[in-house]
Amino acid sequence: MCNLLHRFIDDQSGVTAIEDGLIAALIAVAIITTVFMVGSDLKSTFNSVASNLA
């Protein structure tokens, strides 16, 4: 029983999974922010091109 408890305390796989999840969440936030910023600029560029073609 004591050996099982020591193995449970020394197990780092859960910590690694949480860290990987946090890194993935931060990357997702960075991608969403970038797409949002570029999307606004791209929309204004397309509107400008469309108005110049008309």
PDB file of N, CA and C in Angstrom:
ATOM      1  N   MET A   1       0.826  -1.189   0.000  1.00  0.00           N
ATOM      2  CA  MET A   1       0.000   0.000   0.000  1.00  0.00           C
ATOM      3  C   MET A   1       0.873   1.257   0.000  1.00  0.00           C
ATOM      4  N   CYS A   2       1.920   1.254   0.791  1.00  0.00           N
ATOM      5  CA  CYS A   2       2.822   2.398   0.869  1.00  0.00           C
ATOM      6  C   CYS A   2       3.507   2.626  -0.479  1.00  0.00           C
ATOM      7  N   ASN A   3       3.889   1.524  -1.150  1.00  0.00           N
ATOM      8  CA  ASN A   3       4.517   1.620  -2.462  1.00  0.00           C
ATOM      9  C   ASN A   3       3.564   2.242  -3.476  1.00  0.00           C
ATOM     10  N   LEU A   4       2.285   1.884  -3.424  1.00  0.00           N
ATOM     11  CA  LEU A   4       1.277   2.442  -4.323  1.00  0.00           C
ATOM     12  C   LEU A   4       1.124   3.941  -4.094  1.00  0.00           C
ATOM     13  N   LEU A   5       1.138   4.354  -2.841  1.00  0.00           N
ATOM     14  CA  LEU A   5       1.019   5.771  -2.501  1.00  0.00           C
ATOM     15  C   LEU A   5       2.226   6.561  -3.019  1.00  0.00           C
ATOM     16  N   HIS A   6       3.411   6.011  -2.891  1.00  0.00           N
ATOM     17  CA  HIS A   6       4.614   6.692  -3.394  1.00  0.00           C
ATOM     18  C   HIS A   6       4.585   6.811  -4.917  1.00  0.00           C
ATOM     19  N   ARG A   7       4.127   5.769  -5.591  1.00  0.00           N
ATOM     20  CA  ARG A   7       4.032   5.834  -7.058  1.00  0.00           C
ATOM     21  C   ARG A   7       3.015   6.875  -7.488  1.00  0.00           C
ATOM     22  N   PHE A   8       1.907   6.983  -6.741  1.00  0.00           N
ATOM     23  CA  PHE A   8       0.880   7.975  -7.067  1.00  0.00           C
ATOM     24  C   PHE A   8       1.414   9.394  -6.874  1.00  0.00           C
ATOM     25  N   ILE A   9       2.143   9.625  -5.815  1.00  0.00           N
ATOM     26  CA  ILE A   9       2.691  10.957  -5.533  1.00  0.00           C
ATOM     27  C   ILE A   9       3.757  11.327  -6.565  1.00  0.00           C
ATOM     28  N   ASP A  10       4.568  10.353  -6.994  1.00  0.00           N
ATOM     29  CA  ASP A  10       5.649  10.624  -7.940  1.00  0.00           C
ATOM     30  C   ASP A  10       5.182  10.691  -9.387  1.00  0.00           C
ATOM     31  N   ASP A  11       3.928  10.326  -9.653  1.00  0.00           N
ATOM     32  CA  ASP A  11       3.420  10.308 -11.028  1.00  0.00           C
ATOM     33  C   ASP A  11       3.272  11.745 -11.539  1.00  0.00           C
ATOM     34  N   GLN A  12       3.917  12.065 -12.655  1.00  0.00           N
ATOM     35  CA  GLN A  12       3.889  13.407 -13.227  1.00  0.00           C
ATOM     36  C   GLN A  12       3.064  13.494 -14.510  1.00  0.00           C
ATOM     37  N   SER A  13       2.414  12.417 -14.923  1.00  0.00           N
ATOM     38  CA  SER A  13       1.701  12.425 -16.198  1.00  0.00           C
ATOM     39  C   SER A  13       0.502  13.370 -16.176  1.00  0.00           C
ATOM     40  N   GLY A  14      -0.175  13.488 -15.041  1.00  0.00           N
ATOM     41  CA  GLY A  14      -1.303  14.421 -14.944  1.00  0.00           C
ATOM     42  C   GLY A  14      -0.844  15.864 -15.054  1.00  0.00           C
ATOM     43  N   VAL A  15       0.265  16.178 -14.438  1.00  0.00           N
ATOM     44  CA  VAL A  15       0.821  17.525 -14.500  1.00  0.00           C
ATOM     45  C   VAL A  15       1.200  17.864 -15.938  1.00  0.00           C
ATOM     46  N   THR A  16       1.789  16.914 -16.625  1.00  0.00           N
ATOM     47  CA  THR A  16       2.181  17.133 -18.021  1.00  0.00           C
ATOM     48  C   THR A  16       0.959  17.375 -18.882  1.00  0.00           C
ATOM     49  N   ALA A  17      -0.107  16.635 -18.662  1.00  0.00           N
ATOM     50  CA  ALA A  17      -1.328  16.815 -19.441  1.00  0.00           C
ATOM     51  C   ALA A  17      -1.935  18.192 -19.200  1.00  0.00           C
ATOM     52  N   ILE A  18      -1.907  18.645 -17.970  1.00  0.00           N
ATOM     53  CA  ILE A  18      -2.438  19.978 -17.658  1.00  0.00           C
ATOM     54  C   ILE A  18      -1.588  21.051 -18.316  1.00  0.00           C
ATOM     55  N   GLU A  19      -0.278  20.906 -18.269  1.00  0.00           N
ATOM     56  CA  GLU A  19       0.602  21.882 -18.915  1.00  0.00           C
ATOM     57  C   GLU A  19       0.364  21.911 -20.419  1.00  0.00           C
ATOM     58  N   ASP A  20       0.218  20.736 -21.025  1.00  0.00           N
ATOM     59  CA  ASP A  20      -0.050  20.689 -22.467  1.00  0.00           C
ATOM     60  C   ASP A  20      -1.375  21.365 -22.798  1.00  0.00           C
ATOM     61  N   GLY A  21      -2.371  21.170 -21.947  1.00  0.00           N
ATOM     62  CA  GLY A  21      -3.667  21.817 -22.160  1.00  0.00           C
ATOM     63  C   GLY A  21      -3.574  23.329 -22.056  1.00  0.00           C
ATOM     64  N   LEU A  22      -2.808  23.818 -21.098  1.00  0.00           N
ATOM     65  CA  LEU A  22      -2.640  25.266 -20.949  1.00  0.00           C
ATOM     66  C   LEU A  22      -1.891  25.872 -22.135  1.00  0.00           C
ATOM     67  N   ILE A  23      -0.876  25.171 -22.609  1.00  0.00           N
ATOM     68  CA  ILE A  23      -0.131  25.657 -23.770  1.00  0.00           C
ATOM     69  C   ILE A  23      -1.032  25.695 -24.997  1.00  0.00           C
ATOM     70  N   ALA A  24      -1.837  24.652 -25.191  1.00  0.00           N
ATOM     71  CA  ALA A  24      -2.761  24.619 -26.325  1.00  0.00           C
ATOM     72  C   ALA A  24      -3.778  25.748 -26.232  1.00  0.00           C
ATOM     73  N   ALA A  25      -4.265  26.041 -25.030  1.00  0.00           N
ATOM     74  CA  ALA A  25      -5.220  27.132 -24.857  1.00  0.00           C
ATOM     75  C   ALA A  25      -4.587  28.482 -25.171  1.00  0.00           C
ATOM     76  N   LEU A  26      -3.357  28.694 -24.751  1.00  0.00           N
ATOM     77  CA  LEU A  26      -2.674  29.955 -25.048  1.00  0.00           C
ATOM     78  C   LEU A  26      -2.422  30.112 -26.543  1.00  0.00           C
ATOM     79  N   ILE A  27      -2.058  29.032 -27.208  1.00  0.00           N
ATOM     80  CA  ILE A  27      -1.855  29.087 -28.654  1.00  0.00           C
ATOM     81  C   ILE A  27      -3.171  29.398 -29.357  1.00  0.00           C
ATOM     82  N   ALA A  28      -4.262  28.794 -28.888  1.00  0.00           N
ATOM     83  CA  ALA A  28      -5.566  29.056 -29.490  1.00  0.00           C
ATOM     84  C   ALA A  28      -5.971  30.516 -29.324  1.00  0.00           C
ATOM     85  N   VAL A  29      -5.718  31.085 -28.158  1.00  0.00           N
ATOM     86  CA  VAL A  29      -6.044  32.500 -27.932  1.00  0.00           C
ATOM     87  C   VAL A  29      -5.213  33.386 -28.847  1.00  0.00           C
ATOM     88  N   ALA A  30      -3.940  33.058 -29.025  1.00  0.00           N
ATOM     89  CA  ALA A  30      -3.085  33.846 -29.911  1.00  0.00           C
ATOM     90  C   ALA A  30      -3.572  33.758 -31.358  1.00  0.00           C
ATOM     91  N   ILE A  31      -3.960  32.576 -31.789  1.00  0.00           N
ATOM     92  CA  ILE A  31      -4.452  32.414 -33.166  1.00  0.00           C
ATOM     93  C   ILE A  31      -5.757  33.175 -33.359  1.00  0.00           C
ATOM     94  N   ILE A  32      -6.673  33.075 -32.413  1.00  0.00           N
ATOM     95  CA  ILE A  32      -7.953  33.779 -32.530  1.00  0.00           C
ATOM     96  C   ILE A  32      -7.739  35.282 -32.564  1.00  0.00           C
ATOM     97  N   THR A  33      -6.853  35.785 -31.735  1.00  0.00           N
ATOM     98  CA  THR A  33      -6.573  37.228 -31.716  1.00  0.00           C
ATOM     99  C   THR A  33      -5.977  37.677 -33.043  1.00  0.00           C
ATOM    100  N   THR A  34      -5.040  36.916 -33.575  1.00  0.00           N
ATOM    101  CA  THR A  34      -4.410  37.264 -34.844  1.00  0.00           C
ATOM    102  C   THR A  34      -5.412  37.248 -35.986  1.00  0.00           C
ATOM    103  N   VAL A  35      -6.247  36.222 -36.035  1.00  0.00           N
ATOM    104  CA  VAL A  35      -7.255  36.131 -37.096  1.00  0.00           C
ATOM    105  C   VAL A  35      -8.246  37.280 -36.989  1.00  0.00           C
ATOM    106  N   PHE A  36      -8.632  37.638 -35.784  1.00  0.00           N
ATOM    107  CA  PHE A  36      -9.557  38.743 -35.595  1.00  0.00           C
ATOM    108  C   PHE A  36      -8.954  40.057 -36.090  1.00  0.00           C
ATOM    109  N   MET A  37      -7.694  40.307 -35.752  1.00  0.00           N
ATOM    110  CA  MET A  37      -7.044  41.551 -36.162  1.00  0.00           C
ATOM    111  C   MET A  37      -6.822  41.599 -37.673  1.00  0.00           C
ATOM    112  N   VAL A  38      -6.354  40.507 -38.242  1.00  0.00           N
ATOM    113  CA  VAL A  38      -6.113  40.461 -39.684  1.00  0.00           C
ATOM    114  C   VAL A  38      -7.437  40.479 -40.435  1.00  0.00           C
ATOM    115  N   GLY A  39      -8.456  39.851 -39.884  1.00  0.00           N
ATOM    116  CA  GLY A  39      -9.769  39.819 -40.524  1.00  0.00           C
ATOM    117  C   GLY A  39     -10.356  41.211 -40.682  1.00  0.00           C
ATOM    118  N   SER A  40     -10.201  42.052 -39.693  1.00  0.00           N
ATOM    119  CA  SER A  40     -10.716  43.421 -39.780  1.00  0.00           C
ATOM    120  C   SER A  40      -9.997  44.207 -40.875  1.00  0.00           C
ATOM    121  N   ASP A  41      -8.679  44.074 -40.923  1.00  0.00           N
ATOM    122  CA  ASP A  41      -7.910  44.769 -41.956  1.00  0.00           C
ATOM    123  C   ASP A  41      -8.238  44.231 -43.340  1.00  0.00           C
ATOM    124  N   LEU A  42      -8.420  42.933 -43.433  1.00  0.00           N
ATOM    125  CA  LEU A  42      -8.727  42.319 -44.715  1.00  0.00           C
ATOM    126  C   LEU A  42     -10.101  42.749 -45.206  1.00  0.00           C
ATOM    127  N   LYS A  43     -11.051  42.875 -44.309  1.00  0.00           N
ATOM    128  CA  LYS A  43     -12.396  43.315 -44.691  1.00  0.00           C
ATOM    129  C   LYS A  43     -12.348  44.732 -45.247  1.00  0.00           C
ATOM    130  N   SER A  44     -11.614  45.614 -44.605  1.00  0.00           N
ATOM    131  CA  SER A  44     -11.519  46.987 -45.091  1.00  0.00           C
ATOM    132  C   SER A  44     -10.792  47.046 -46.442  1.00  0.00           C
ATOM    133  N   THR A  45      -9.800  46.178 -46.632  1.00  0.00           N
ATOM    134  CA  THR A  45      -9.096  46.134 -47.920  1.00  0.00           C
ATOM    135  C   THR A  45     -10.033  45.682 -49.032  1.00  0.00           C
ATOM    136  N   PHE A  46     -10.808  44.635 -48.779  1.00  0.00           N
ATOM    137  CA  PHE A  46     -11.756  44.160 -49.796  1.00  0.00           C
ATOM    138  C   PHE A  46     -12.830  45.201 -50.090  1.00  0.00           C
ATOM    139  N   ASN A  47     -13.292  45.905 -49.064  1.00  0.00           N
ATOM    140  CA  ASN A  47     -14.287  46.970 -49.284  1.00  0.00           C
ATOM    141  C   ASN A  47     -13.699  48.090 -50.123  1.00  0.00           C
ATOM    142  N   SER A  48     -12.442  48.424 -49.882  1.00  0.00           N
ATOM    143  CA  SER A  48     -11.778  49.465 -50.668  1.00  0.00           C
ATOM    144  C   SER A  48     -11.622  49.032 -52.123  1.00  0.00           C
ATOM    145  N   VAL A  49     -11.220  47.812 -52.352  1.00  0.00           N
ATOM    146  CA  VAL A  49     -11.069  47.296 -53.722  1.00  0.00           C
ATOM    147  C   VAL A  49     -12.422  47.267 -54.420  1.00  0.00           C
ATOM    148  N   ALA A  50     -13.454  46.832 -53.709  1.00  0.00           N
ATOM    149  CA  ALA A  50     -14.789  46.744 -54.300  1.00  0.00           C
ATOM    150  C   ALA A  50     -15.309  48.127 -54.672  1.00  0.00           C
ATOM    151  N   SER A  51     -15.066  49.105 -53.814  1.00  0.00           N
ATOM    152  CA  SER A  51     -15.559  50.456 -54.131  1.00  0.00           C
ATOM    153  C   SER A  51     -14.765  51.065 -55.283  1.00  0.00           C
ATOM    154  N   ASN A  52     -13.495  50.746 -55.431  1.00  0.00           N
ATOM    155  CA  ASN A  52     -12.706  51.272 -56.541  1.00  0.00           C
ATOM    156  C   ASN A  52     -13.078  50.612 -57.859  1.00  0.00           C
ATOM    157  N   LEU A  53     -13.538  49.362 -57.821  1.00  0.00           N
ATOM    158  CA  LEU A  53     -13.939  48.673 -59.035  1.00  0.00           C
ATOM    159  C   LEU A  53     -15.308  49.144 -59.528  1.00  0.00           C
ATOM    160  N   ALA A  54     -16.136  49.626 -58.617  1.00  0.00           N
ATOM    161  CA  ALA A  54     -17.493  50.033 -58.997  1.00  0.00           C
ATOM    162  C   ALA A  54     -17.535  51.344 -59.716  1.00  0.00           C
TER     163      ALA A  54
END
